[in-house]
Amino acid sequence: MDQQAVNPDWRERLYDERAAGLLLYGRALGLSCAEAEDVLHETFQALLRLPEMPAAPEHYLVRSFRNRALNHRRSLWRRLAREVEACRWFEPPEDETPRERAAINALATLPEDQREAIVLKIWNEMTFEQIAEVLGLSPNTVAGRYRYGLQKLRACLEGECHEESERTGSPIAIVDTASAIAGNPGAAVPRSA
């Protein structure tokens, strides 16, 4: 039986569940907001051309998005435009607090590999094994990047944010309040890492 006939809206479900996280992932990979949206749409256009649903659609989606995003970044002109916009990593909500801004700035200063692991783990809710498959790495390497990135976030957020993380037990308690898309409260991530 044709998988698409059984589950005709799998692409729509994937878009609803993963689009916001993928946009943030694109930002973590160094794309501007508009570039991340373009890559997202290119990725879903490619999904529409598939004759059948992949065996692991979520994995296929993230891997496809990542490949397109990395290819997109390679252009010199796009890189120059991205550097000009580098100060705007997330779309800021109108009611953004100074603590949220500090967390966003701290996240943007991390090395790309650590930022990538954190964004995939927290905002895309992927396991270390799933991230490892997408990146072509071992789960231990991904977990290490995630752990070191969180340690650097903690160091960047010393003071009030550090005290907050001690109370909550989460070094990224403030980071997870940032929405991936302005005006989309549903895009906020869960409070646990």
C-alpha atoms as a PDB file:
ATOM      1  CA  MET A   1       0.000   0.000   0.000  1.00  0.00           C
ATOM      2  CA  ASP A   2       1.278   3.491  -0.860  1.00  0.00           C
ATOM      3  CA  GLN A   3       2.604   5.265   2.269  1.00  0.00           C
ATOM      4  CA  GLN A   4       1.345   8.625   1.045  1.00  0.00           C
ATOM      5  CA  ALA A   5      -2.159   7.229   0.646  1.00  0.00           C
ATOM      6  CA  VAL A   6      -1.997   6.011   4.256  1.00  0.00           C
ATOM      7  CA  ASN A   7      -0.512   9.279   5.566  1.00  0.00           C
ATOM      8  CA  PRO A   8      -1.179  12.004   2.956  1.00  0.00           C
ATOM      9  CA  ASP A   9      -0.449  14.915   5.296  1.00  0.00           C
ATOM     10  CA  TRP A  10       2.988  13.808   6.549  1.00  0.00           C
ATOM     11  CA  ARG A  11       4.646  16.851   4.979  1.00  0.00           C
ATOM     12  CA  GLU A  12       2.154  19.216   6.613  1.00  0.00           C
ATOM     13  CA  ARG A  13       2.677  17.517   9.981  1.00  0.00           C
ATOM     14  CA  LEU A  14       6.454  17.825   9.587  1.00  0.00           C
ATOM     15  CA  TYR A  15       6.140  21.496   8.718  1.00  0.00           C
ATOM     16  CA  ASP A  16       3.872  22.218  11.688  1.00  0.00           C
ATOM     17  CA  GLU A  17       6.135  20.340  14.110  1.00  0.00           C
ATOM     18  CA  ARG A  18       9.591  21.277  12.810  1.00  0.00           C
ATOM     19  CA  ALA A  19       9.542  24.570  10.865  1.00  0.00           C
ATOM     20  CA  ALA A  20      10.213  26.889  13.823  1.00  0.00           C
ATOM     21  CA  GLY A  21      13.021  24.686  15.106  1.00  0.00           C
ATOM     22  CA  LEU A  22      14.580  24.450  11.662  1.00  0.00           C
ATOM     23  CA  LEU A  23      14.502  28.228  11.252  1.00  0.00           C
ATOM     24  CA  LEU A  24      16.387  28.582  14.509  1.00  0.00           C
ATOM     25  CA  TYR A  25      18.764  25.822  13.414  1.00  0.00           C
ATOM     26  CA  GLY A  26      19.417  27.782  10.221  1.00  0.00           C
ATOM     27  CA  ARG A  27      20.259  30.809  12.366  1.00  0.00           C
ATOM     28  CA  ALA A  28      22.605  28.632  14.447  1.00  0.00           C
ATOM     29  CA  LEU A  29      24.317  27.598  11.214  1.00  0.00           C
ATOM     30  CA  GLY A  30      24.918  31.260  10.401  1.00  0.00           C
ATOM     31  CA  LEU A  31      22.051  32.062   8.035  1.00  0.00           C
ATOM     32  CA  SER A  32      20.074  35.272   8.237  1.00  0.00           C
ATOM     33  CA  CYS A  33      16.383  35.023   9.049  1.00  0.00           C
ATOM     34  CA  ALA A  34      15.447  35.405   5.375  1.00  0.00           C
ATOM     35  CA  GLU A  35      18.077  32.869   4.281  1.00  0.00           C
ATOM     36  CA  ALA A  36      16.845  30.329   6.837  1.00  0.00           C
ATOM     37  CA  GLU A  37      13.287  30.795   5.546  1.00  0.00           C
ATOM     38  CA  ASP A  38      14.478  30.335   1.952  1.00  0.00           C
ATOM     39  CA  VAL A  39      16.320  27.133   2.844  1.00  0.00           C
ATOM     40  CA  LEU A  40      13.288  25.872   4.762  1.00  0.00           C
ATOM     41  CA  HIS A  41      11.052  26.428   1.746  1.00  0.00           C
ATOM     42  CA  GLU A  42      13.581  24.802  -0.616  1.00  0.00           C
ATOM     43  CA  THR A  43      13.713  21.805   1.711  1.00  0.00           C
ATOM     44  CA  PHE A  44       9.944  21.395   1.731  1.00  0.00           C
ATOM     45  CA  GLN A  45       9.766  21.871  -2.039  1.00  0.00           C
ATOM     46  CA  ALA A  46      12.172  18.951  -2.320  1.00  0.00           C
ATOM     47  CA  LEU A  47       9.972  16.922   0.046  1.00  0.00           C
ATOM     48  CA  LEU A  48       6.982  17.613  -2.187  1.00  0.00           C
ATOM     49  CA  ARG A  49       8.868  16.090  -5.111  1.00  0.00           C
ATOM     50  CA  LEU A  50       9.589  12.829  -3.271  1.00  0.00           C
ATOM     51  CA  PRO A  51       7.592   9.915  -4.666  1.00  0.00           C
ATOM     52  CA  GLU A  52       7.077   8.448  -1.187  1.00  0.00           C
ATOM     53  CA  MET A  53       7.614   9.223   2.479  1.00  0.00           C
ATOM     54  CA  PRO A  54      11.193   8.500   3.667  1.00  0.00           C
ATOM     55  CA  ALA A  55      11.654   5.761   6.246  1.00  0.00           C
ATOM     56  CA  ALA A  56      12.634   8.338   8.894  1.00  0.00           C
ATOM     57  CA  PRO A  57      11.004  11.602   7.756  1.00  0.00           C
ATOM     58  CA  GLU A  58      12.187  13.743  10.709  1.00  0.00           C
ATOM     59  CA  HIS A  59      15.797  12.626  10.244  1.00  0.00           C
ATOM     60  CA  TYR A  60      15.556  13.113   6.489  1.00  0.00           C
ATOM     61  CA  LEU A  61      14.116  16.604   6.986  1.00  0.00           C
ATOM     62  CA  VAL A  62      16.846  17.814   9.361  1.00  0.00           C
ATOM     63  CA  ARG A  63      19.623  16.287   7.255  1.00  0.00           C
ATOM     64  CA  SER A  64      18.202  17.781   4.058  1.00  0.00           C
ATOM     65  CA  PHE A  65      17.790  21.190   5.705  1.00  0.00           C
ATOM     66  CA  ARG A  66      21.345  21.087   7.053  1.00  0.00           C
ATOM     67  CA  ASN A  67      22.835  20.160   3.676  1.00  0.00           C
ATOM     68  CA  ARG A  68      20.926  22.937   1.918  1.00  0.00           C
ATOM     69  CA  ALA A  69      21.860  25.447   4.625  1.00  0.00           C
ATOM     70  CA  LEU A  70      25.556  24.589   4.394  1.00  0.00           C
ATOM     71  CA  ASN A  71      25.467  24.846   0.602  1.00  0.00           C
ATOM     72  CA  HIS A  72      23.662  28.159   0.869  1.00  0.00           C
ATOM     73  CA  ARG A  73      26.312  29.568   3.229  1.00  0.00           C
ATOM     74  CA  ARG A  74      29.158  28.902   0.830  1.00  0.00           C
ATOM     75  CA  SER A  75      28.374  31.886  -1.362  1.00  0.00           C
ATOM     76  CA  LEU A  76      30.691  34.857  -0.733  1.00  0.00           C
ATOM     77  CA  TRP A  77      27.970  37.473  -1.241  1.00  0.00           C
ATOM     78  CA  ARG A  78      25.635  35.701   1.112  1.00  0.00           C
ATOM     79  CA  ARG A  79      28.400  35.499   3.679  1.00  0.00           C
ATOM     80  CA  LEU A  80      29.008  39.240   3.505  1.00  0.00           C
ATOM     81  CA  ALA A  81      25.311  39.991   3.919  1.00  0.00           C
ATOM     82  CA  ARG A  82      25.131  37.516   6.806  1.00  0.00           C
ATOM     83  CA  GLU A  83      28.004  39.222   8.629  1.00  0.00           C
ATOM     84  CA  VAL A  84      26.229  42.561   8.387  1.00  0.00           C
ATOM     85  CA  GLU A  85      23.142  41.017   9.958  1.00  0.00           C
ATOM     86  CA  ALA A  86      25.065  38.939  12.523  1.00  0.00           C
ATOM     87  CA  CYS A  87      23.938  41.185  15.375  1.00  0.00           C
ATOM     88  CA  ARG A  88      20.303  40.057  14.837  1.00  0.00           C
ATOM     89  CA  TRP A  89      20.313  36.333  15.598  1.00  0.00           C
ATOM     90  CA  PHE A  90      16.757  35.812  16.807  1.00  0.00           C
ATOM     91  CA  GLU A  91      13.728  37.892  15.963  1.00  0.00           C
ATOM     92  CA  PRO A  92      13.321  39.772  19.269  1.00  0.00           C
ATOM     93  CA  PRO A  93       9.887  39.768  20.857  1.00  0.00           C
ATOM     94  CA  GLU A  94       8.534  43.146  21.884  1.00  0.00           C
ATOM     95  CA  ASP A  95       8.514  42.157  25.556  1.00  0.00           C
ATOM     96  CA  GLU A  96      12.054  40.732  25.571  1.00  0.00           C
ATOM     97  CA  THR A  97      13.789  41.042  28.934  1.00  0.00           C
ATOM     98  CA  PRO A  98      17.445  42.006  29.412  1.00  0.00           C
ATOM     99  CA  ARG A  99      18.095  38.465  30.689  1.00  0.00           C
ATOM    100  CA  GLU A 100      16.678  36.955  27.495  1.00  0.00           C
ATOM    101  CA  ARG A 101      18.808  39.315  25.395  1.00  0.00           C
ATOM    102  CA  ALA A 102      21.908  38.316  27.405  1.00  0.00           C
ATOM    103  CA  ALA A 103      21.133  34.629  26.845  1.00  0.00           C
ATOM    104  CA  ILE A 104      20.643  35.133  23.111  1.00  0.00           C
ATOM    105  CA  ASN A 105      23.907  37.075  22.878  1.00  0.00           C
ATOM    106  CA  ALA A 106      25.726  34.360  24.834  1.00  0.00           C
ATOM    107  CA  LEU A 107      24.351  31.650  22.541  1.00  0.00           C
ATOM    108  CA  ALA A 108      25.461  33.592  19.470  1.00  0.00           C
ATOM    109  CA  THR A 109      29.055  33.721  20.780  1.00  0.00           C
ATOM    110  CA  LEU A 110      29.445  29.949  21.025  1.00  0.00           C
ATOM    111  CA  PRO A 111      31.464  28.077  18.411  1.00  0.00           C
ATOM    112  CA  GLU A 112      29.186  26.902  15.604  1.00  0.00           C
ATOM    113  CA  ASP A 113      29.509  23.191  16.441  1.00  0.00           C
ATOM    114  CA  GLN A 114      28.443  23.754  20.061  1.00  0.00           C
ATOM    115  CA  ARG A 115      25.654  26.149  19.092  1.00  0.00           C
ATOM    116  CA  GLU A 116      24.442  23.613  16.520  1.00  0.00           C
ATOM    117  CA  ALA A 117      24.300  20.809  19.113  1.00  0.00           C
ATOM    118  CA  ILE A 118      22.428  22.995  21.610  1.00  0.00           C
ATOM    119  CA  VAL A 119      19.860  24.226  19.083  1.00  0.00           C
ATOM    120  CA  LEU A 120      19.192  20.726  17.741  1.00  0.00           C
ATOM    121  CA  LYS A 121      18.918  19.259  21.242  1.00  0.00           C
ATOM    122  CA  ILE A 122      16.773  21.947  22.858  1.00  0.00           C
ATOM    123  CA  TRP A 123      14.731  23.675  20.172  1.00  0.00           C
ATOM    124  CA  ASN A 124      14.414  20.698  17.824  1.00  0.00           C
ATOM    125  CA  GLU A 125      14.053  18.174  20.678  1.00  0.00           C
ATOM    126  CA  MET A 126      16.413  15.666  19.072  1.00  0.00           C
ATOM    127  CA  THR A 127      18.322  12.978  20.959  1.00  0.00           C
ATOM    128  CA  PHE A 128      22.112  12.833  20.856  1.00  0.00           C
ATOM    129  CA  GLU A 129      21.811   9.748  18.651  1.00  0.00           C
ATOM    130  CA  GLN A 130      19.577  11.574  16.161  1.00  0.00           C
ATOM    131  CA  ILE A 131      21.875  14.605  16.096  1.00  0.00           C
ATOM    132  CA  ALA A 132      24.880  12.303  15.598  1.00  0.00           C
ATOM    133  CA  GLU A 133      23.188  10.713  12.569  1.00  0.00           C
ATOM    134  CA  VAL A 134      22.442  14.097  11.017  1.00  0.00           C
ATOM    135  CA  LEU A 135      25.954  15.433  11.594  1.00  0.00           C
ATOM    136  CA  GLY A 136      27.792  12.201  10.814  1.00  0.00           C
ATOM    137  CA  LEU A 137      29.394  12.110  14.270  1.00  0.00           C
ATOM    138  CA  SER A 138      29.322   9.843  17.300  1.00  0.00           C
ATOM    139  CA  PRO A 139      26.684  10.477  19.987  1.00  0.00           C
ATOM    140  CA  ASN A 140      29.530  11.029  22.495  1.00  0.00           C
ATOM    141  CA  THR A 141      31.002  13.797  20.335  1.00  0.00           C
ATOM    142  CA  VAL A 142      27.611  15.491  20.072  1.00  0.00           C
ATOM    143  CA  ALA A 143      27.032  15.150  23.823  1.00  0.00           C
ATOM    144  CA  GLY A 144      30.458  16.668  24.469  1.00  0.00           C
ATOM    145  CA  ARG A 145      29.753  19.639  22.212  1.00  0.00           C
ATOM    146  CA  TYR A 146      26.425  20.131  23.945  1.00  0.00           C
ATOM    147  CA  ARG A 147      27.968  19.894  27.421  1.00  0.00           C
ATOM    148  CA  TYR A 148      30.862  22.251  26.603  1.00  0.00           C
ATOM    149  CA  GLY A 149      28.463  24.703  24.998  1.00  0.00           C
ATOM    150  CA  LEU A 150      26.286  24.724  28.111  1.00  0.00           C
ATOM    151  CA  GLN A 151      29.371  25.286  30.259  1.00  0.00           C
ATOM    152  CA  LYS A 152      30.332  28.281  28.110  1.00  0.00           C
ATOM    153  CA  LEU A 153      26.776  29.614  28.327  1.00  0.00           C
ATOM    154  CA  ARG A 154      26.943  29.328  32.088  1.00  0.00           C
ATOM    155  CA  ALA A 155      30.252  31.215  32.144  1.00  0.00           C
ATOM    156  CA  CYS A 156      28.780  33.940  29.912  1.00  0.00           C
ATOM    157  CA  LEU A 157      25.716  34.267  32.084  1.00  0.00           C
ATOM    158  CA  GLU A 158      27.557  34.524  35.431  1.00  0.00           C
ATOM    159  CA  GLY A 159      25.793  36.602  38.037  1.00  0.00           C
ATOM    160  CA  GLU A 160      22.013  36.845  38.067  1.00  0.00           C
ATOM    161  CA  CYS A 161      21.535  34.288  35.288  1.00  0.00           C
ATOM    162  CA  HIS A 162      23.995  31.916  36.965  1.00  0.00           C
ATOM    163  CA  GLU A 163      22.067  32.170  40.234  1.00  0.00           C
ATOM    164  CA  GLU A 164      18.867  31.422  38.304  1.00  0.00           C
ATOM    165  CA  SER A 165      20.432  28.297  36.785  1.00  0.00           C
ATOM    166  CA  GLU A 166      21.552  27.099  40.226  1.00  0.00           C
ATOM    167  CA  ARG A 167      17.960  27.386  41.516  1.00  0.00           C
ATOM    168  CA  THR A 168      16.463  25.595  38.510  1.00  0.00           C
ATOM    169  CA  GLY A 169      19.237  23.049  38.063  1.00  0.00           C
ATOM    170  CA  SER A 170      19.476  23.984  34.401  1.00  0.00           C
ATOM    171  CA  PRO A 171      22.381  26.045  33.047  1.00  0.00           C
ATOM    172  CA  ILE A 172      20.186  27.165  30.206  1.00  0.00           C
ATOM    173  CA  ALA A 173      17.028  28.010  32.071  1.00  0.00           C
ATOM    174  CA  ILE A 174      17.098  31.522  30.668  1.00  0.00           C
ATOM    175  CA  VAL A 175      18.088  30.467  27.133  1.00  0.00           C
ATOM    176  CA  ASP A 176      15.040  28.294  26.668  1.00  0.00           C
ATOM    177  CA  THR A 177      12.667  31.221  27.092  1.00  0.00           C
ATOM    178  CA  ALA A 178      13.681  32.780  23.790  1.00  0.00           C
ATOM    179  CA  SER A 179      11.220  32.159  20.970  1.00  0.00           C
ATOM    180  CA  ALA A 180      12.518  31.046  17.614  1.00  0.00           C
ATOM    181  CA  ILE A 181      10.128  33.335  15.788  1.00  0.00           C
ATOM    182  CA  ALA A 182       8.861  36.700  16.973  1.00  0.00           C
ATOM    183  CA  GLY A 183       5.192  36.682  17.813  1.00  0.00           C
ATOM    184  CA  ASN A 184       5.017  32.888  17.910  1.00  0.00           C
ATOM    185  CA  PRO A 185       4.628  31.925  21.567  1.00  0.00           C
ATOM    186  CA  GLY A 186       4.159  28.320  20.467  1.00  0.00           C
ATOM    187  CA  ALA A 187       7.748  28.291  19.295  1.00  0.00           C
ATOM    188  CA  ALA A 188       9.153  28.513  22.825  1.00  0.00           C
ATOM    189  CA  VAL A 189      10.969  25.411  23.913  1.00  0.00           C
ATOM    190  CA  PRO A 190      10.333  23.216  26.917  1.00  0.00           C
ATOM    191  CA  ARG A 191      12.052  24.053  30.211  1.00  0.00           C
ATOM    192  CA  SER A 192      14.114  20.845  30.388  1.00  0.00           C
ATOM    193  CA  ALA A 193      17.285  20.110  28.467  1.00  0.00           C
END
